PDB file of N, CA and C in Angstrom:
ATOM      1  N   UNK A   1      10.976 -26.635  34.662  1.00  0.00           N
ATOM      2  CA  UNK A   1       9.937 -26.667  33.662  1.00  0.00           C
ATOM      3  C   UNK A   1      10.284 -25.665  32.561  1.00  0.00           C
ATOM      4  N   UNK A   2      10.104 -26.057  31.336  1.00  0.00           N
ATOM      5  CA  UNK A   2      10.373 -25.189  30.200  1.00  0.00           C
ATOM      6  C   UNK A   2       9.208 -24.221  30.004  1.00  0.00           C
ATOM      7  N   UNK A   3       9.473 -23.083  29.363  1.00  0.00           N
ATOM      8  CA  UNK A   3       8.392 -22.138  29.105  1.00  0.00           C
ATOM      9  C   UNK A   3       7.349 -22.729  28.158  1.00  0.00           C
ATOM     10  N   UNK A   4       6.165 -22.149  28.174  1.00  0.00           N
ATOM     11  CA  UNK A   4       5.065 -22.627  27.337  1.00  0.00           C
ATOM     12  C   UNK A   4       5.292 -22.238  25.884  1.00  0.00           C
ATOM     13  N   UNK A   5       4.829 -23.092  25.001  1.00  0.00           N
ATOM     14  CA  UNK A   5       4.754 -22.781  23.582  1.00  0.00           C
ATOM     15  C   UNK A   5       3.282 -22.617  23.251  1.00  0.00           C
ATOM     16  N   UNK A   6       2.958 -21.638  22.428  1.00  0.00           N
ATOM     17  CA  UNK A   6       1.564 -21.394  22.076  1.00  0.00           C
ATOM     18  C   UNK A   6       1.347 -21.621  20.590  1.00  0.00           C
ATOM     19  N   UNK A   7       0.216 -22.212  20.273  1.00  0.00           N
ATOM     20  CA  UNK A   7      -0.157 -22.502  18.900  1.00  0.00           C
ATOM     21  C   UNK A   7      -1.605 -22.095  18.683  1.00  0.00           C
ATOM     22  N   UNK A   8      -1.907 -21.593  17.500  1.00  0.00           N
ATOM     23  CA  UNK A   8      -3.301 -21.346  17.153  1.00  0.00           C
ATOM     24  C   UNK A   8      -3.858 -22.649  16.607  1.00  0.00           C
ATOM     25  N   UNK A   9      -4.999 -23.048  17.139  1.00  0.00           N
ATOM     26  CA  UNK A   9      -5.640 -24.300  16.738  1.00  0.00           C
ATOM     27  C   UNK A   9      -7.048 -24.030  16.236  1.00  0.00           C
ATOM     28  N   UNK A  10      -7.558 -25.002  15.519  1.00  0.00           N
ATOM     29  CA  UNK A  10      -8.896 -24.947  14.949  1.00  0.00           C
ATOM     30  C   UNK A  10      -9.910 -25.490  15.939  1.00  0.00           C
ATOM     31  N   UNK A  11     -11.020 -24.783  16.131  1.00  0.00           N
ATOM     32  CA  UNK A  11     -12.136 -25.307  16.917  1.00  0.00           C
ATOM     33  C   UNK A  11     -12.881 -26.252  15.984  1.00  0.00           C
ATOM     34  N   UNK A  12     -12.559 -27.523  16.079  1.00  0.00           N
ATOM     35  CA  UNK A  12     -13.026 -28.503  15.108  1.00  0.00           C
ATOM     36  C   UNK A  12     -14.542 -28.650  15.090  1.00  0.00           C
ATOM     37  N   UNK A  13     -15.188 -28.649  16.232  1.00  0.00           N
ATOM     38  CA  UNK A  13     -16.642 -28.846  16.239  1.00  0.00           C
ATOM     39  C   UNK A  13     -17.359 -27.706  15.510  1.00  0.00           C
ATOM     40  N   UNK A  14     -16.945 -26.470  15.731  1.00  0.00           N
ATOM     41  CA  UNK A  14     -17.555 -25.348  15.013  1.00  0.00           C
ATOM     42  C   UNK A  14     -17.211 -25.385  13.531  1.00  0.00           C
ATOM     43  N   UNK A  15     -15.980 -25.770  13.226  1.00  0.00           N
ATOM     44  CA  UNK A  15     -15.556 -25.848  11.836  1.00  0.00           C
ATOM     45  C   UNK A  15     -16.364 -26.903  11.082  1.00  0.00           C
ATOM     46  N   UNK A  16     -16.587 -28.051  11.705  1.00  0.00           N
ATOM     47  CA  UNK A  16     -17.365 -29.107  11.051  1.00  0.00           C
ATOM     48  C   UNK A  16     -18.812 -28.675  10.830  1.00  0.00           C
ATOM     49  N   UNK A  17     -19.368 -27.915  11.768  1.00  0.00           N
ATOM     50  CA  UNK A  17     -20.724 -27.374  11.568  1.00  0.00           C
ATOM     51  C   UNK A  17     -20.750 -26.443  10.367  1.00  0.00           C
ATOM     52  N   UNK A  18     -19.731 -25.602  10.251  1.00  0.00           N
ATOM     53  CA  UNK A  18     -19.638 -24.683   9.119  1.00  0.00           C
ATOM     54  C   UNK A  18     -19.476 -25.454   7.809  1.00  0.00           C
ATOM     55  N   UNK A  19     -18.679 -26.498   7.837  1.00  0.00           N
ATOM     56  CA  UNK A  19     -18.448 -27.311   6.642  1.00  0.00           C
ATOM     57  C   UNK A  19     -19.737 -27.979   6.180  1.00  0.00           C
ATOM     58  N   UNK A  20     -20.585 -28.362   7.124  1.00  0.00           N
ATOM     59  CA  UNK A  20     -21.883 -28.947   6.785  1.00  0.00           C
ATOM     60  C   UNK A  20     -21.752 -30.165   5.893  1.00  0.00           C
ATOM     61  N   UNK A  21     -22.436 -30.139   4.768  1.00  0.00           N
ATOM     62  CA  UNK A  21     -22.442 -31.270   3.837  1.00  0.00           C
ATOM     63  C   UNK A  21     -21.307 -31.222   2.820  1.00  0.00           C
ATOM     64  N   UNK A  22     -20.448 -30.204   2.910  1.00  0.00           N
ATOM     65  CA  UNK A  22     -19.330 -30.128   1.966  1.00  0.00           C
ATOM     66  C   UNK A  22     -18.344 -31.262   2.224  1.00  0.00           C
ATOM     67  N   UNK A  23     -17.811 -31.824   1.161  1.00  0.00           N
ATOM     68  CA  UNK A  23     -16.749 -32.820   1.299  1.00  0.00           C
ATOM     69  C   UNK A  23     -15.449 -32.103   1.673  1.00  0.00           C
ATOM     70  N   UNK A  24     -14.443 -32.883   2.037  1.00  0.00           N
ATOM     71  CA  UNK A  24     -13.126 -32.303   2.330  1.00  0.00           C
ATOM     72  C   UNK A  24     -12.596 -31.544   1.115  1.00  0.00           C
ATOM     73  N   UNK A  25     -12.785 -32.109  -0.063  1.00  0.00           N
ATOM     74  CA  UNK A  25     -12.305 -31.474  -1.290  1.00  0.00           C
ATOM     75  C   UNK A  25     -13.032 -30.151  -1.518  1.00  0.00           C
ATOM     76  N   UNK A  26     -14.347 -30.139  -1.338  1.00  0.00           N
ATOM     77  CA  UNK A  26     -15.119 -28.908  -1.525  1.00  0.00           C
ATOM     78  C   UNK A  26     -14.710 -27.834  -0.517  1.00  0.00           C
ATOM     79  N   UNK A  27     -14.520 -28.231   0.721  1.00  0.00           N
ATOM     80  CA  UNK A  27     -14.116 -27.265   1.745  1.00  0.00           C
ATOM     81  C   UNK A  27     -12.718 -26.729   1.455  1.00  0.00           C
ATOM     82  N   UNK A  28     -11.808 -27.596   1.058  1.00  0.00           N
ATOM     83  CA  UNK A  28     -10.453 -27.160   0.714  1.00  0.00           C
ATOM     84  C   UNK A  28     -10.493 -26.168  -0.450  1.00  0.00           C
ATOM     85  N   UNK A  29     -11.316 -26.445  -1.452  1.00  0.00           N
ATOM     86  CA  UNK A  29     -11.450 -25.510  -2.586  1.00  0.00           C
ATOM     87  C   UNK A  29     -12.032 -24.179  -2.126  1.00  0.00           C
ATOM     88  N   UNK A  30     -13.039 -24.236  -1.263  1.00  0.00           N
ATOM     89  CA  UNK A  30     -13.652 -23.012  -0.745  1.00  0.00           C
ATOM     90  C   UNK A  30     -12.615 -22.160  -0.023  1.00  0.00           C
ATOM     91  N   UNK A  31     -11.747 -22.819   0.736  1.00  0.00           N
ATOM     92  CA  UNK A  31     -10.704 -22.118   1.489  1.00  0.00           C
ATOM     93  C   UNK A  31      -9.477 -21.785   0.646  1.00  0.00           C
ATOM     94  N   UNK A  32      -9.402 -22.364  -0.552  1.00  0.00           N
ATOM     95  CA  UNK A  32      -8.245 -22.188  -1.427  1.00  0.00           C
ATOM     96  C   UNK A  32      -6.968 -22.747  -0.787  1.00  0.00           C
ATOM     97  N   UNK A  33      -7.107 -23.940  -0.181  1.00  0.00           N
ATOM     98  CA  UNK A  33      -5.972 -24.671   0.390  1.00  0.00           C
ATOM     99  C   UNK A  33      -6.006 -26.091  -0.165  1.00  0.00           C
ATOM    100  N   UNK A  34      -4.934 -26.819   0.031  1.00  0.00           N
ATOM    101  CA  UNK A  34      -4.924 -28.213  -0.411  1.00  0.00           C
ATOM    102  C   UNK A  34      -5.721 -29.074   0.569  1.00  0.00           C
ATOM    103  N   UNK A  35      -6.226 -30.167   0.070  1.00  0.00           N
ATOM    104  CA  UNK A  35      -6.946 -31.115   0.925  1.00  0.00           C
ATOM    105  C   UNK A  35      -6.019 -31.639   2.012  1.00  0.00           C
ATOM    106  N   UNK A  36      -4.752 -31.837   1.670  1.00  0.00           N
ATOM    107  CA  UNK A  36      -3.762 -32.319   2.635  1.00  0.00           C
ATOM    108  C   UNK A  36      -3.550 -31.312   3.759  1.00  0.00           C
ATOM    109  N   UNK A  37      -3.441 -30.033   3.418  1.00  0.00           N
ATOM    110  CA  UNK A  37      -3.268 -29.009   4.456  1.00  0.00           C
ATOM    111  C   UNK A  37      -4.478 -28.979   5.379  1.00  0.00           C
ATOM    112  N   UNK A  38      -5.668 -29.045   4.808  1.00  0.00           N
ATOM    113  CA  UNK A  38      -6.882 -29.043   5.620  1.00  0.00           C
ATOM    114  C   UNK A  38      -6.906 -30.257   6.542  1.00  0.00           C
ATOM    115  N   UNK A  39      -6.558 -31.417   6.019  1.00  0.00           N
ATOM    116  CA  UNK A  39      -6.524 -32.652   6.816  1.00  0.00           C
ATOM    117  C   UNK A  39      -5.550 -32.504   7.983  1.00  0.00           C
ATOM    118  N   UNK A  40      -4.366 -31.963   7.723  1.00  0.00           N
ATOM    119  CA  UNK A  40      -3.346 -31.806   8.776  1.00  0.00           C
ATOM    120  C   UNK A  40      -3.803 -30.852   9.873  1.00  0.00           C
ATOM    121  N   UNK A  41      -4.428 -29.765   9.480  1.00  0.00           N
ATOM    122  CA  UNK A  41      -4.900 -28.790  10.470  1.00  0.00           C
ATOM    123  C   UNK A  41      -6.032 -29.380  11.293  1.00  0.00           C
ATOM    124  N   UNK A  42      -6.948 -30.080  10.654  1.00  0.00           N
ATOM    125  CA  UNK A  42      -8.086 -30.650  11.377  1.00  0.00           C
ATOM    126  C   UNK A  42      -7.642 -31.718  12.368  1.00  0.00           C
ATOM    127  N   UNK A  43      -6.557 -32.397  12.089  1.00  0.00           N
ATOM    128  CA  UNK A  43      -6.079 -33.464  12.968  1.00  0.00           C
ATOM    129  C   UNK A  43      -4.921 -33.033  13.863  1.00  0.00           C
ATOM    130  N   UNK A  44      -4.689 -31.737  13.941  1.00  0.00           N
ATOM    131  CA  UNK A  44      -3.637 -31.144  14.776  1.00  0.00           C
ATOM    132  C   UNK A  44      -2.235 -31.619  14.402  1.00  0.00           C
ATOM    133  N   UNK A  45      -2.060 -32.099  13.172  1.00  0.00           N
ATOM    134  CA  UNK A  45      -0.721 -32.458  12.710  1.00  0.00           C
ATOM    135  C   UNK A  45       0.042 -31.210  12.276  1.00  0.00           C
ATOM    136  N   UNK A  46      -0.685 -30.119  12.132  1.00  0.00           N
ATOM    137  CA  UNK A  46      -0.093 -28.868  11.697  1.00  0.00           C
ATOM    138  C   UNK A  46      -0.788 -27.726  12.430  1.00  0.00           C
ATOM    139  N   UNK A  47      -0.017 -26.758  12.862  1.00  0.00           N
ATOM    140  CA  UNK A  47      -0.613 -25.584  13.511  1.00  0.00           C
ATOM    141  C   UNK A  47      -1.264 -24.704  12.453  1.00  0.00           C
ATOM    142  N   UNK A  48      -2.238 -23.940  12.873  1.00  0.00           N
ATOM    143  CA  UNK A  48      -2.894 -22.988  11.982  1.00  0.00           C
ATOM    144  C   UNK A  48      -1.965 -21.794  11.810  1.00  0.00           C
ATOM    145  N   UNK A  49      -1.701 -21.435  10.575  1.00  0.00           N
ATOM    146  CA  UNK A  49      -0.831 -20.300  10.305  1.00  0.00           C
ATOM    147  C   UNK A  49      -1.609 -19.082   9.832  1.00  0.00           C
ATOM    148  N   UNK A  50      -0.903 -17.983   9.685  1.00  0.00           N
ATOM    149  CA  UNK A  50      -1.525 -16.734   9.242  1.00  0.00           C
ATOM    150  C   UNK A  50      -2.177 -16.880   7.876  1.00  0.00           C
ATOM    151  N   UNK A  51      -1.528 -17.608   6.978  1.00  0.00           N
ATOM    152  CA  UNK A  51      -2.067 -17.769   5.631  1.00  0.00           C
ATOM    153  C   UNK A  51      -3.401 -18.517   5.660  1.00  0.00           C
ATOM    154  N   UNK A  52      -3.497 -19.572   6.468  1.00  0.00           N
ATOM    155  CA  UNK A  52      -4.749 -20.319   6.572  1.00  0.00           C
ATOM    156  C   UNK A  52      -5.853 -19.429   7.148  1.00  0.00           C
ATOM    157  N   UNK A  53      -5.525 -18.655   8.177  1.00  0.00           N
ATOM    158  CA  UNK A  53      -6.515 -17.758   8.783  1.00  0.00           C
ATOM    159  C   UNK A  53      -6.988 -16.724   7.763  1.00  0.00           C
ATOM    160  N   UNK A  54      -6.066 -16.168   7.000  1.00  0.00           N
ATOM    161  CA  UNK A  54      -6.423 -15.197   5.972  1.00  0.00           C
ATOM    162  C   UNK A  54      -7.365 -15.820   4.936  1.00  0.00           C
ATOM    163  N   UNK A  55      -7.054 -17.037   4.523  1.00  0.00           N
ATOM    164  CA  UNK A  55      -7.900 -17.711   3.534  1.00  0.00           C
ATOM    165  C   UNK A  55      -9.266 -18.053   4.121  1.00  0.00           C
ATOM    166  N   UNK A  56      -9.294 -18.429   5.388  1.00  0.00           N
ATOM    167  CA  UNK A  56     -10.565 -18.699   6.057  1.00  0.00           C
ATOM    168  C   UNK A  56     -11.421 -17.432   6.076  1.00  0.00           C
ATOM    169  N   UNK A  57     -10.823 -16.303   6.471  1.00  0.00           N
ATOM    170  CA  UNK A  57     -11.578 -15.045   6.545  1.00  0.00           C
ATOM    171  C   UNK A  57     -12.010 -14.560   5.165  1.00  0.00           C
ATOM    172  N   UNK A  58     -11.224 -14.832   4.128  1.00  0.00           N
ATOM    173  CA  UNK A  58     -11.635 -14.485   2.763  1.00  0.00           C
ATOM    174  C   UNK A  58     -12.830 -15.326   2.323  1.00  0.00           C
ATOM    175  N   UNK A  59     -12.821 -16.597   2.688  1.00  0.00           N
ATOM    176  CA  UNK A  59     -13.907 -17.502   2.296  1.00  0.00           C
ATOM    177  C   UNK A  59     -15.163 -17.274   3.132  1.00  0.00           C
ATOM    178  N   UNK A  60     -14.982 -16.911   4.398  1.00  0.00           N
ATOM    179  CA  UNK A  60     -16.100 -16.746   5.335  1.00  0.00           C
ATOM    180  C   UNK A  60     -15.953 -15.414   6.088  1.00  0.00           C
ATOM    181  N   UNK A  61     -16.113 -14.295   5.387  1.00  0.00           N
ATOM    182  CA  UNK A  61     -15.843 -12.994   6.011  1.00  0.00           C
ATOM    183  C   UNK A  61     -16.765 -12.637   7.177  1.00  0.00           C
ATOM    184  N   UNK A  62     -17.947 -13.209   7.216  1.00  0.00           N
ATOM    185  CA  UNK A  62     -18.893 -12.865   8.284  1.00  0.00           C
ATOM    186  C   UNK A  62     -18.771 -13.755   9.517  1.00  0.00           C
ATOM    187  N   UNK A  63     -17.911 -14.768   9.451  1.00  0.00           N
ATOM    188  CA  UNK A  63     -17.742 -15.680  10.588  1.00  0.00           C
ATOM    189  C   UNK A  63     -16.722 -15.101  11.569  1.00  0.00           C
ATOM    190  N   UNK A  64     -17.061 -15.037  12.868  1.00  0.00           N
ATOM    191  CA  UNK A  64     -16.125 -14.484  13.855  1.00  0.00           C
ATOM    192  C   UNK A  64     -14.910 -15.394  14.078  1.00  0.00           C
ATOM    193  N   UNK A  65     -13.743 -14.790  14.074  1.00  0.00           N
ATOM    194  CA  UNK A  65     -12.480 -15.504  14.266  1.00  0.00           C
ATOM    195  C   UNK A  65     -12.522 -16.390  15.504  1.00  0.00           C
ATOM    196  N   UNK A  66     -12.989 -15.826  16.618  1.00  0.00           N
ATOM    197  CA  UNK A  66     -12.929 -16.535  17.900  1.00  0.00           C
ATOM    198  C   UNK A  66     -13.855 -17.748  17.967  1.00  0.00           C
ATOM    199  N   UNK A  67     -14.780 -17.876  17.026  1.00  0.00           N
ATOM    200  CA  UNK A  67     -15.636 -19.068  16.988  1.00  0.00           C
ATOM    201  C   UNK A  67     -14.918 -20.269  16.372  1.00  0.00           C
ATOM    202  N   UNK A  68     -13.840 -20.016  15.633  1.00  0.00           N
ATOM    203  CA  UNK A  68     -13.183 -21.092  14.889  1.00  0.00           C
ATOM    204  C   UNK A  68     -11.725 -21.328  15.270  1.00  0.00           C
ATOM    205  N   UNK A  69     -11.127 -20.417  16.021  1.00  0.00           N
ATOM    206  CA  UNK A  69      -9.714 -20.548  16.367  1.00  0.00           C
ATOM    207  C   UNK A  69      -9.500 -20.238  17.844  1.00  0.00           C
ATOM    208  N   UNK A  70      -8.514 -20.911  18.446  1.00  0.00           N
ATOM    209  CA  UNK A  70      -8.150 -20.647  19.831  1.00  0.00           C
ATOM    210  C   UNK A  70      -6.653 -20.855  19.986  1.00  0.00           C
ATOM    211  N   UNK A  71      -6.116 -20.306  21.063  1.00  0.00           N
ATOM    212  CA  UNK A  71      -4.691 -20.463  21.355  1.00  0.00           C
ATOM    213  C   UNK A  71      -4.533 -21.640  22.303  1.00  0.00           C
ATOM    214  N   UNK A  72      -3.662 -22.548  21.928  1.00  0.00           N
ATOM    215  CA  UNK A  72      -3.341 -23.692  22.779  1.00  0.00           C
ATOM    216  C   UNK A  72      -1.941 -23.465  23.324  1.00  0.00           C
ATOM    217  N   UNK A  73      -1.822 -23.445  24.624  1.00  0.00           N
ATOM    218  CA  UNK A  73      -0.535 -23.247  25.273  1.00  0.00           C
ATOM    219  C   UNK A  73      -0.063 -24.584  25.822  1.00  0.00           C
ATOM    220  N   UNK A  74       1.119 -25.002  25.430  1.00  0.00           N
ATOM    221  CA  UNK A  74       1.662 -26.291  25.852  1.00  0.00           C
ATOM    222  C   UNK A  74       2.853 -26.041  26.766  1.00  0.00           C
ATOM    223  N   UNK A  75       2.726 -26.478  28.021  1.00  0.00           N
ATOM    224  CA  UNK A  75       3.812 -26.368  28.994  1.00  0.00           C
ATOM    225  C   UNK A  75       4.560 -27.701  28.998  1.00  0.00           C
ATOM    226  N   UNK A  76       5.845 -27.660  28.771  1.00  0.00           N
ATOM    227  CA  UNK A  76       6.634 -28.884  28.721  1.00  0.00           C
ATOM    228  C   UNK A  76       7.477 -29.019  29.981  1.00  0.00           C
ATOM    229  N   UNK A  77       7.529 -30.233  30.506  1.00  0.00           N
ATOM    230  CA  UNK A  77       8.470 -30.512  31.588  1.00  0.00           C
ATOM    231  C   UNK A  77       9.172 -31.821  31.264  1.00  0.00           C
ATOM    232  N   UNK A  78       9.900 -32.354  32.193  1.00  0.00           N
ATOM    233  CA  UNK A  78      10.690 -33.551  31.927  1.00  0.00           C
ATOM    234  C   UNK A  78       9.837 -34.787  31.688  1.00  0.00           C
ATOM    235  N   UNK A  79       8.634 -34.834  32.215  1.00  0.00           N
ATOM    236  CA  UNK A  79       7.864 -36.067  32.174  1.00  0.00           C
ATOM    237  C   UNK A  79       6.718 -36.074  31.173  1.00  0.00           C
ATOM    238  N   UNK A  80       6.053 -34.951  30.972  1.00  0.00           N
ATOM    239  CA  UNK A  80       4.910 -34.940  30.071  1.00  0.00           C
ATOM    240  C   UNK A  80       4.559 -33.507  29.680  1.00  0.00           C
ATOM    241  N   UNK A  81       3.707 -33.391  28.677  1.00  0.00           N
ATOM    242  CA  UNK A  81       3.225 -32.084  28.239  1.00  0.00           C
ATOM    243  C   UNK A  81       1.850 -31.834  28.832  1.00  0.00           C
ATOM    244  N   UNK A  82       1.632 -30.624  29.299  1.00  0.00           N
ATOM    245  CA  UNK A  82       0.328 -30.218  29.835  1.00  0.00           C
ATOM    246  C   UNK A  82      -0.281 -29.238  28.844  1.00  0.00           C
ATOM    247  N   UNK A  83      -1.499 -29.470  28.434  1.00  0.00           N
ATOM    248  CA  UNK A  83      -2.159 -28.605  27.468  1.00  0.00           C
ATOM    249  C   UNK A  83      -3.157 -27.725  28.186  1.00  0.00           C
ATOM    250  N   UNK A  84      -3.091 -26.437  27.905  1.00  0.00           N
ATOM    251  CA  UNK A  84      -4.019 -25.479  28.499  1.00  0.00           C
ATOM    252  C   UNK A  84      -4.642 -24.669  27.370  1.00  0.00           C
ATOM    253  N   UNK A  85      -5.969 -24.634  27.301  1.00  0.00           N
ATOM    254  CA  UNK A  85      -6.665 -23.850  26.288  1.00  0.00           C
ATOM    255  C   UNK A  85      -6.884 -22.450  26.826  1.00  0.00           C
ATOM    256  N   UNK A  86      -6.552 -21.472  26.017  1.00  0.00           N
ATOM    257  CA  UNK A  86      -6.714 -20.075  26.388  1.00  0.00           C
ATOM    258  C   UNK A  86      -7.723 -19.456  25.433  1.00  0.00           C
ATOM    259  N   UNK A  87      -8.756 -18.856  25.966  1.00  0.00           N
ATOM    260  CA  UNK A  87      -9.764 -18.200  25.118  1.00  0.00           C
ATOM    261  C   UNK A  87      -9.411 -16.755  24.893  1.00  0.00           C
TER     262      UNK A  87
END
């Protein structure tokens, strides 16, 4: 079995609550990111990076980090990937 890879991911349900009635474009502007980057992160096509986290905290300074982000550890073996969420 190969060692685990860890990625920071978005807690989508909490993020959508925070987004509320804002459109994707409005939320992307609020975060100062492109709509495409926001779409990729929300759909797990892209891992959350330091720059996105920094922009999130600048836009929402009073929101706790741990309510919106978590570490996803992926263990790879020959047959399939196992996903484990770490709080």
